Amino acid sequence: MATRPTVSWRETVAENPAMAELFPDSLLARTDEVLAAFEASVTALADPSDDEVFAAVERVVLALNAVNVEYDEAAYETDEREELCAYLDETLTEASVDVAALAARRGLTRHEITDAWREW
């Protein structure tokens, strides 16, 4: 199973407690809730259509947008954004979704599948 970025963020805080300002427990918990819902929705898909996969991506991105707003639009910086996108890609790949082909069918690259909704 894909490792949530929050795992490494917690490790960062454990190694350097000053990083708790960047990664407060409440942010980590909210992010975990969103990612758990994404995992559940992807796992529930059986032979999903492109529309079903993109709907799951849209839901998780919109939920992460909401978390970002809760934290004054500073919840996810560049590194965290990249980790979140990599995690979404890996989670889909583990669910047998060919992310590159999925994206290509929409005229996108695999790195652009969140762009339509992402505000973080």
N, C-alpha and C. Protein backbone atom coordinates (compact mmCIF):
# COMPACT_ATOMS: atom_id res chain seq x y z
N MET A 1 0.83 -1.18 0.00
CA MET A 1 0.00 0.00 0.00
C MET A 1 0.88 1.24 0.00
N ALA A 2 0.44 2.23 -0.73
CA ALA A 2 1.17 3.51 -0.80
C ALA A 2 1.28 4.10 0.61
N THR A 3 2.42 4.65 0.88
CA THR A 3 2.64 5.28 2.18
C THR A 3 2.18 6.73 2.11
N ARG A 4 1.30 7.07 3.02
CA ARG A 4 0.81 8.44 3.06
C ARG A 4 1.95 9.41 3.37
N PRO A 5 1.92 10.57 2.76
CA PRO A 5 2.96 11.57 3.07
C PRO A 5 2.98 11.96 4.54
N THR A 6 1.85 11.84 5.20
CA THR A 6 1.80 12.20 6.62
C THR A 6 2.74 11.36 7.48
N VAL A 7 3.08 10.17 7.01
CA VAL A 7 4.03 9.33 7.75
C VAL A 7 5.38 10.03 7.82
N SER A 8 5.87 10.49 6.68
CA SER A 8 7.18 11.16 6.69
C SER A 8 7.09 12.52 7.38
N TRP A 9 5.94 13.18 7.29
CA TRP A 9 5.78 14.46 7.97
C TRP A 9 5.85 14.27 9.48
N ARG A 10 5.24 13.20 9.97
CA ARG A 10 5.33 12.90 11.41
C ARG A 10 6.76 12.58 11.82
N GLU A 11 7.47 11.85 10.97
CA GLU A 11 8.87 11.53 11.26
C GLU A 11 9.71 12.81 11.31
N THR A 12 9.41 13.74 10.43
CA THR A 12 10.11 15.02 10.42
C THR A 12 9.91 15.75 11.74
N VAL A 13 8.68 15.75 12.23
CA VAL A 13 8.38 16.41 13.51
C VAL A 13 9.08 15.70 14.66
N ALA A 14 9.11 14.36 14.61
CA ALA A 14 9.76 13.60 15.67
C ALA A 14 11.26 13.90 15.71
N GLU A 15 11.87 14.08 14.54
CA GLU A 15 13.29 14.38 14.47
C GLU A 15 13.60 15.83 14.82
N ASN A 16 12.65 16.71 14.53
CA ASN A 16 12.85 18.14 14.78
C ASN A 16 11.53 18.73 15.26
N PRO A 17 11.32 18.76 16.57
CA PRO A 17 10.05 19.24 17.12
C PRO A 17 9.64 20.64 16.66
N ALA A 18 10.59 21.45 16.25
CA ALA A 18 10.25 22.78 15.75
C ALA A 18 9.40 22.71 14.48
N MET A 19 9.46 21.59 13.79
CA MET A 19 8.69 21.40 12.56
C MET A 19 7.20 21.19 12.85
N ALA A 20 6.85 21.06 14.12
CA ALA A 20 5.43 20.91 14.48
C ALA A 20 4.64 22.15 14.09
N GLU A 21 5.32 23.26 13.96
CA GLU A 21 4.63 24.47 13.51
C GLU A 21 4.18 24.32 12.05
N LEU A 22 5.01 23.67 11.25
CA LEU A 22 4.68 23.42 9.85
C LEU A 22 3.69 22.26 9.71
N PHE A 23 3.81 21.28 10.59
CA PHE A 23 2.97 20.08 10.54
C PHE A 23 2.26 19.85 11.87
N PRO A 24 1.30 20.69 12.22
CA PRO A 24 0.58 20.48 13.48
C PRO A 24 -0.22 19.17 13.43
N ASP A 25 -0.42 18.58 14.60
CA ASP A 25 -1.16 17.31 14.68
C ASP A 25 -2.52 17.39 14.00
N SER A 26 -3.20 18.52 14.16
CA SER A 26 -4.53 18.65 13.56
C SER A 26 -4.47 18.61 12.04
N LEU A 27 -3.45 19.20 11.44
CA LEU A 27 -3.27 19.15 9.99
C LEU A 27 -3.01 17.72 9.53
N LEU A 28 -2.15 17.04 10.25
CA LEU A 28 -1.82 15.66 9.89
C LEU A 28 -3.06 14.77 10.00
N ALA A 29 -3.84 14.97 11.05
CA ALA A 29 -5.05 14.17 11.24
C ALA A 29 -6.07 14.45 10.13
N ARG A 30 -6.28 15.71 9.80
CA ARG A 30 -7.24 16.06 8.74
C ARG A 30 -6.78 15.51 7.39
N THR A 31 -5.49 15.62 7.12
CA THR A 31 -4.96 15.09 5.86
C THR A 31 -5.13 13.58 5.82
N ASP A 32 -4.87 12.89 6.92
CA ASP A 32 -5.07 11.45 6.98
C ASP A 32 -6.53 11.07 6.72
N GLU A 33 -7.47 11.84 7.26
CA GLU A 33 -8.90 11.57 7.03
C GLU A 33 -9.21 11.63 5.54
N VAL A 34 -8.72 12.66 4.89
CA VAL A 34 -8.97 12.85 3.46
C VAL A 34 -8.35 11.71 2.66
N LEU A 35 -7.12 11.36 2.98
CA LEU A 35 -6.44 10.30 2.24
C LEU A 35 -7.06 8.94 2.49
N ALA A 36 -7.54 8.71 3.70
CA ALA A 36 -8.23 7.44 4.00
C ALA A 36 -9.50 7.32 3.17
N ALA A 37 -10.23 8.42 3.04
CA ALA A 37 -11.45 8.40 2.22
C ALA A 37 -11.11 8.13 0.76
N PHE A 38 -10.02 8.70 0.29
CA PHE A 38 -9.57 8.45 -1.09
C PHE A 38 -9.22 6.98 -1.27
N GLU A 39 -8.45 6.44 -0.34
CA GLU A 39 -8.07 5.03 -0.42
C GLU A 39 -9.31 4.15 -0.47
N ALA A 40 -10.28 4.43 0.38
CA ALA A 40 -11.51 3.64 0.41
C ALA A 40 -12.27 3.74 -0.91
N SER A 41 -12.35 4.95 -1.46
CA SER A 41 -13.09 5.11 -2.70
C SER A 41 -12.40 4.42 -3.86
N VAL A 42 -11.09 4.46 -3.90
CA VAL A 42 -10.35 3.79 -4.97
C VAL A 42 -10.44 2.27 -4.82
N THR A 43 -10.34 1.79 -3.59
CA THR A 43 -10.43 0.36 -3.34
C THR A 43 -11.80 -0.18 -3.72
N ALA A 44 -12.83 0.63 -3.55
CA ALA A 44 -14.20 0.20 -3.85
C ALA A 44 -14.48 0.11 -5.35
N LEU A 45 -13.62 0.72 -6.16
CA LEU A 45 -13.84 0.70 -7.61
C LEU A 45 -13.46 -0.65 -8.19
N ALA A 46 -14.38 -1.25 -8.91
CA ALA A 46 -14.10 -2.52 -9.59
C ALA A 46 -14.15 -2.25 -11.08
N ASP A 47 -13.03 -2.43 -11.75
CA ASP A 47 -12.94 -2.16 -13.18
C ASP A 47 -13.53 -0.78 -13.49
N PRO A 48 -12.94 0.26 -12.89
CA PRO A 48 -13.52 1.59 -12.98
C PRO A 48 -13.39 2.24 -14.36
N SER A 49 -14.35 3.05 -14.67
CA SER A 49 -14.28 3.87 -15.88
C SER A 49 -13.37 5.07 -15.59
N ASP A 50 -12.94 5.73 -16.65
CA ASP A 50 -12.14 6.94 -16.48
C ASP A 50 -12.91 7.96 -15.65
N ASP A 51 -14.20 8.09 -15.90
CA ASP A 51 -15.01 9.05 -15.17
C ASP A 51 -15.03 8.75 -13.68
N GLU A 52 -15.10 7.46 -13.31
CA GLU A 52 -15.10 7.08 -11.90
C GLU A 52 -13.77 7.42 -11.24
N VAL A 53 -12.68 7.17 -11.95
CA VAL A 53 -11.37 7.47 -11.39
C VAL A 53 -11.19 8.98 -11.24
N PHE A 54 -11.55 9.72 -12.27
CA PHE A 54 -11.42 11.17 -12.18
C PHE A 54 -12.34 11.74 -11.10
N ALA A 55 -13.49 11.13 -10.88
CA ALA A 55 -14.38 11.59 -9.80
C ALA A 55 -13.71 11.39 -8.44
N ALA A 56 -13.02 10.27 -8.26
CA ALA A 56 -12.30 10.02 -7.00
C ALA A 56 -11.17 11.03 -6.83
N VAL A 57 -10.46 11.32 -7.91
CA VAL A 57 -9.38 12.30 -7.85
C VAL A 57 -9.95 13.68 -7.52
N GLU A 58 -11.04 14.03 -8.17
CA GLU A 58 -11.66 15.33 -7.90
C GLU A 58 -12.07 15.45 -6.43
N ARG A 59 -12.69 14.41 -5.89
CA ARG A 59 -13.13 14.45 -4.48
C ARG A 59 -11.95 14.66 -3.54
N VAL A 60 -10.87 13.92 -3.76
CA VAL A 60 -9.73 14.04 -2.84
C VAL A 60 -9.07 15.40 -2.98
N VAL A 61 -8.96 15.90 -4.19
CA VAL A 61 -8.34 17.21 -4.39
C VAL A 61 -9.18 18.31 -3.76
N LEU A 62 -10.49 18.25 -3.94
CA LEU A 62 -11.37 19.26 -3.34
C LEU A 62 -11.31 19.19 -1.82
N ALA A 63 -11.22 17.98 -1.28
CA ALA A 63 -11.12 17.82 0.18
C ALA A 63 -9.78 18.38 0.68
N LEU A 64 -8.71 18.14 -0.06
CA LEU A 64 -7.41 18.72 0.33
C LEU A 64 -7.43 20.23 0.19
N ASN A 65 -8.15 20.75 -0.81
CA ASN A 65 -8.32 22.20 -0.93
C ASN A 65 -8.96 22.75 0.34
N ALA A 66 -9.99 22.06 0.82
CA ALA A 66 -10.69 22.50 2.03
C ALA A 66 -9.76 22.50 3.24
N VAL A 67 -8.94 21.48 3.36
CA VAL A 67 -7.97 21.44 4.46
C VAL A 67 -7.01 22.62 4.32
N ASN A 68 -6.55 22.85 3.11
CA ASN A 68 -5.63 23.96 2.88
C ASN A 68 -6.25 25.29 3.31
N VAL A 69 -7.53 25.48 3.01
CA VAL A 69 -8.22 26.72 3.42
C VAL A 69 -8.29 26.81 4.94
N GLU A 70 -8.55 25.67 5.60
CA GLU A 70 -8.60 25.65 7.06
C GLU A 70 -7.29 26.14 7.67
N TYR A 71 -6.19 25.96 6.96
CA TYR A 71 -4.86 26.34 7.45
C TYR A 71 -4.33 27.55 6.69
N ASP A 72 -5.24 28.48 6.42
CA ASP A 72 -4.89 29.77 5.80
C ASP A 72 -4.13 29.61 4.49
N GLU A 73 -4.50 28.59 3.74
CA GLU A 73 -3.92 28.29 2.43
C GLU A 73 -2.40 28.11 2.49
N ALA A 74 -1.95 27.58 3.62
CA ALA A 74 -0.51 27.33 3.79
C ALA A 74 -0.26 25.91 4.31
N ALA A 75 -1.22 25.02 4.12
CA ALA A 75 -1.06 23.66 4.64
C ALA A 75 -0.02 22.87 3.86
N TYR A 76 0.01 23.07 2.55
CA TYR A 76 0.87 22.25 1.70
C TYR A 76 1.76 23.15 0.85
N GLU A 77 3.04 23.08 1.13
CA GLU A 77 4.01 23.83 0.34
C GLU A 77 4.47 22.95 -0.82
N THR A 78 5.43 23.41 -1.58
CA THR A 78 5.85 22.71 -2.80
C THR A 78 6.19 21.24 -2.56
N ASP A 79 7.03 20.96 -1.58
CA ASP A 79 7.42 19.57 -1.31
C ASP A 79 6.22 18.71 -0.95
N GLU A 80 5.34 19.26 -0.11
CA GLU A 80 4.16 18.51 0.32
C GLU A 80 3.22 18.28 -0.86
N ARG A 81 3.07 19.26 -1.72
CA ARG A 81 2.23 19.10 -2.92
C ARG A 81 2.74 17.96 -3.77
N GLU A 82 4.03 17.93 -3.98
CA GLU A 82 4.63 16.88 -4.80
C GLU A 82 4.43 15.51 -4.15
N GLU A 83 4.58 15.45 -2.84
CA GLU A 83 4.38 14.18 -2.13
C GLU A 83 2.92 13.73 -2.23
N LEU A 84 2.00 14.65 -2.08
CA LEU A 84 0.58 14.30 -2.18
C LEU A 84 0.24 13.80 -3.57
N CYS A 85 0.72 14.47 -4.59
CA CYS A 85 0.44 14.04 -5.96
C CYS A 85 1.06 12.67 -6.25
N ALA A 86 2.28 12.46 -5.78
CA ALA A 86 2.92 11.15 -5.96
C ALA A 86 2.14 10.06 -5.25
N TYR A 87 1.64 10.37 -4.06
CA TYR A 87 0.84 9.41 -3.30
C TYR A 87 -0.46 9.07 -4.05
N LEU A 88 -1.14 10.06 -4.59
CA LEU A 88 -2.37 9.80 -5.33
C LEU A 88 -2.08 8.91 -6.53
N ASP A 89 -1.00 9.21 -7.24
CA ASP A 89 -0.60 8.41 -8.40
C ASP A 89 -0.31 6.97 -7.98
N GLU A 90 0.46 6.82 -6.91
CA GLU A 90 0.83 5.47 -6.44
C GLU A 90 -0.40 4.69 -5.97
N THR A 91 -1.31 5.36 -5.29
CA THR A 91 -2.53 4.69 -4.82
C THR A 91 -3.36 4.20 -6.00
N LEU A 92 -3.50 5.04 -7.02
CA LEU A 92 -4.23 4.63 -8.22
C LEU A 92 -3.53 3.48 -8.93
N THR A 93 -2.22 3.57 -9.04
CA THR A 93 -1.44 2.52 -9.70
C THR A 93 -1.61 1.19 -8.97
N GLU A 94 -1.58 1.22 -7.64
CA GLU A 94 -1.76 -0.01 -6.87
C GLU A 94 -3.16 -0.59 -7.04
N ALA A 95 -4.11 0.26 -7.44
CA ALA A 95 -5.48 -0.21 -7.69
C ALA A 95 -5.66 -0.61 -9.16
N SER A 96 -4.53 -0.82 -9.84
CA SER A 96 -4.50 -1.27 -11.24
C SER A 96 -4.98 -0.24 -12.24
N VAL A 97 -4.88 1.03 -11.88
CA VAL A 97 -5.20 2.11 -12.81
C VAL A 97 -3.90 2.49 -13.52
N ASP A 98 -3.92 2.47 -14.83
CA ASP A 98 -2.78 2.92 -15.62
C ASP A 98 -2.90 4.44 -15.70
N VAL A 99 -2.23 5.13 -14.78
CA VAL A 99 -2.40 6.57 -14.63
C VAL A 99 -1.95 7.31 -15.89
N ALA A 100 -0.87 6.89 -16.49
CA ALA A 100 -0.39 7.56 -17.71
C ALA A 100 -1.42 7.44 -18.83
N ALA A 101 -1.98 6.25 -19.01
CA ALA A 101 -2.98 6.05 -20.06
C ALA A 101 -4.27 6.81 -19.74
N LEU A 102 -4.67 6.78 -18.47
CA LEU A 102 -5.85 7.52 -18.03
C LEU A 102 -5.70 9.00 -18.37
N ALA A 103 -4.57 9.57 -18.01
CA ALA A 103 -4.32 10.98 -18.27
C ALA A 103 -4.27 11.26 -19.77
N ALA A 104 -3.59 10.40 -20.51
CA ALA A 104 -3.46 10.60 -21.96
C ALA A 104 -4.82 10.63 -22.66
N ARG A 105 -5.74 9.80 -22.17
CA ARG A 105 -7.08 9.79 -22.78
C ARG A 105 -7.80 11.12 -22.59
N ARG A 106 -7.34 11.93 -21.66
CA ARG A 106 -7.90 13.27 -21.42
C ARG A 106 -6.98 14.37 -21.94
N GLY A 107 -5.92 13.97 -22.66
CA GLY A 107 -4.99 14.96 -23.19
C GLY A 107 -4.08 15.56 -22.14
N LEU A 108 -3.83 14.79 -21.07
CA LEU A 108 -3.00 15.25 -19.96
C LEU A 108 -1.79 14.34 -19.80
N THR A 109 -0.84 14.79 -18.99
CA THR A 109 0.21 13.90 -18.52
C THR A 109 -0.22 13.41 -17.14
N ARG A 110 0.41 12.38 -16.66
CA ARG A 110 0.04 11.84 -15.34
C ARG A 110 0.20 12.87 -14.24
N HIS A 111 1.07 13.85 -14.45
CA HIS A 111 1.32 14.87 -13.43
C HIS A 111 0.28 15.99 -13.46
N GLU A 112 -0.65 15.91 -14.40
CA GLU A 112 -1.66 16.96 -14.52
C GLU A 112 -3.07 16.53 -14.10
N ILE A 113 -3.20 15.32 -13.59
CA ILE A 113 -4.56 14.82 -13.31
C ILE A 113 -5.27 15.54 -12.17
N THR A 114 -4.54 16.27 -11.35
CA THR A 114 -5.17 17.02 -10.25
C THR A 114 -5.37 18.49 -10.60
N ASP A 115 -4.80 18.93 -11.68
CA ASP A 115 -4.72 20.37 -11.99
C ASP A 115 -6.07 21.07 -12.14
N ALA A 116 -7.07 20.38 -12.64
CA ALA A 116 -8.37 21.02 -12.87
C ALA A 116 -9.01 21.51 -11.58
N TRP A 117 -8.66 20.90 -10.45
CA TRP A 117 -9.30 21.23 -9.18
C TRP A 117 -8.35 21.75 -8.12
N ARG A 118 -7.06 21.50 -8.29
CA ARG A 118 -6.09 21.76 -7.22
C ARG A 118 -5.85 23.24 -7.02
N GLU A 119 -5.98 23.67 -5.76
CA GLU A 119 -5.69 25.05 -5.37
C GLU A 119 -4.52 25.12 -4.39
N TRP A 120 -3.98 23.99 -4.00
CA TRP A 120 -2.86 23.98 -3.06
C TRP A 120 -1.57 23.79 -3.82
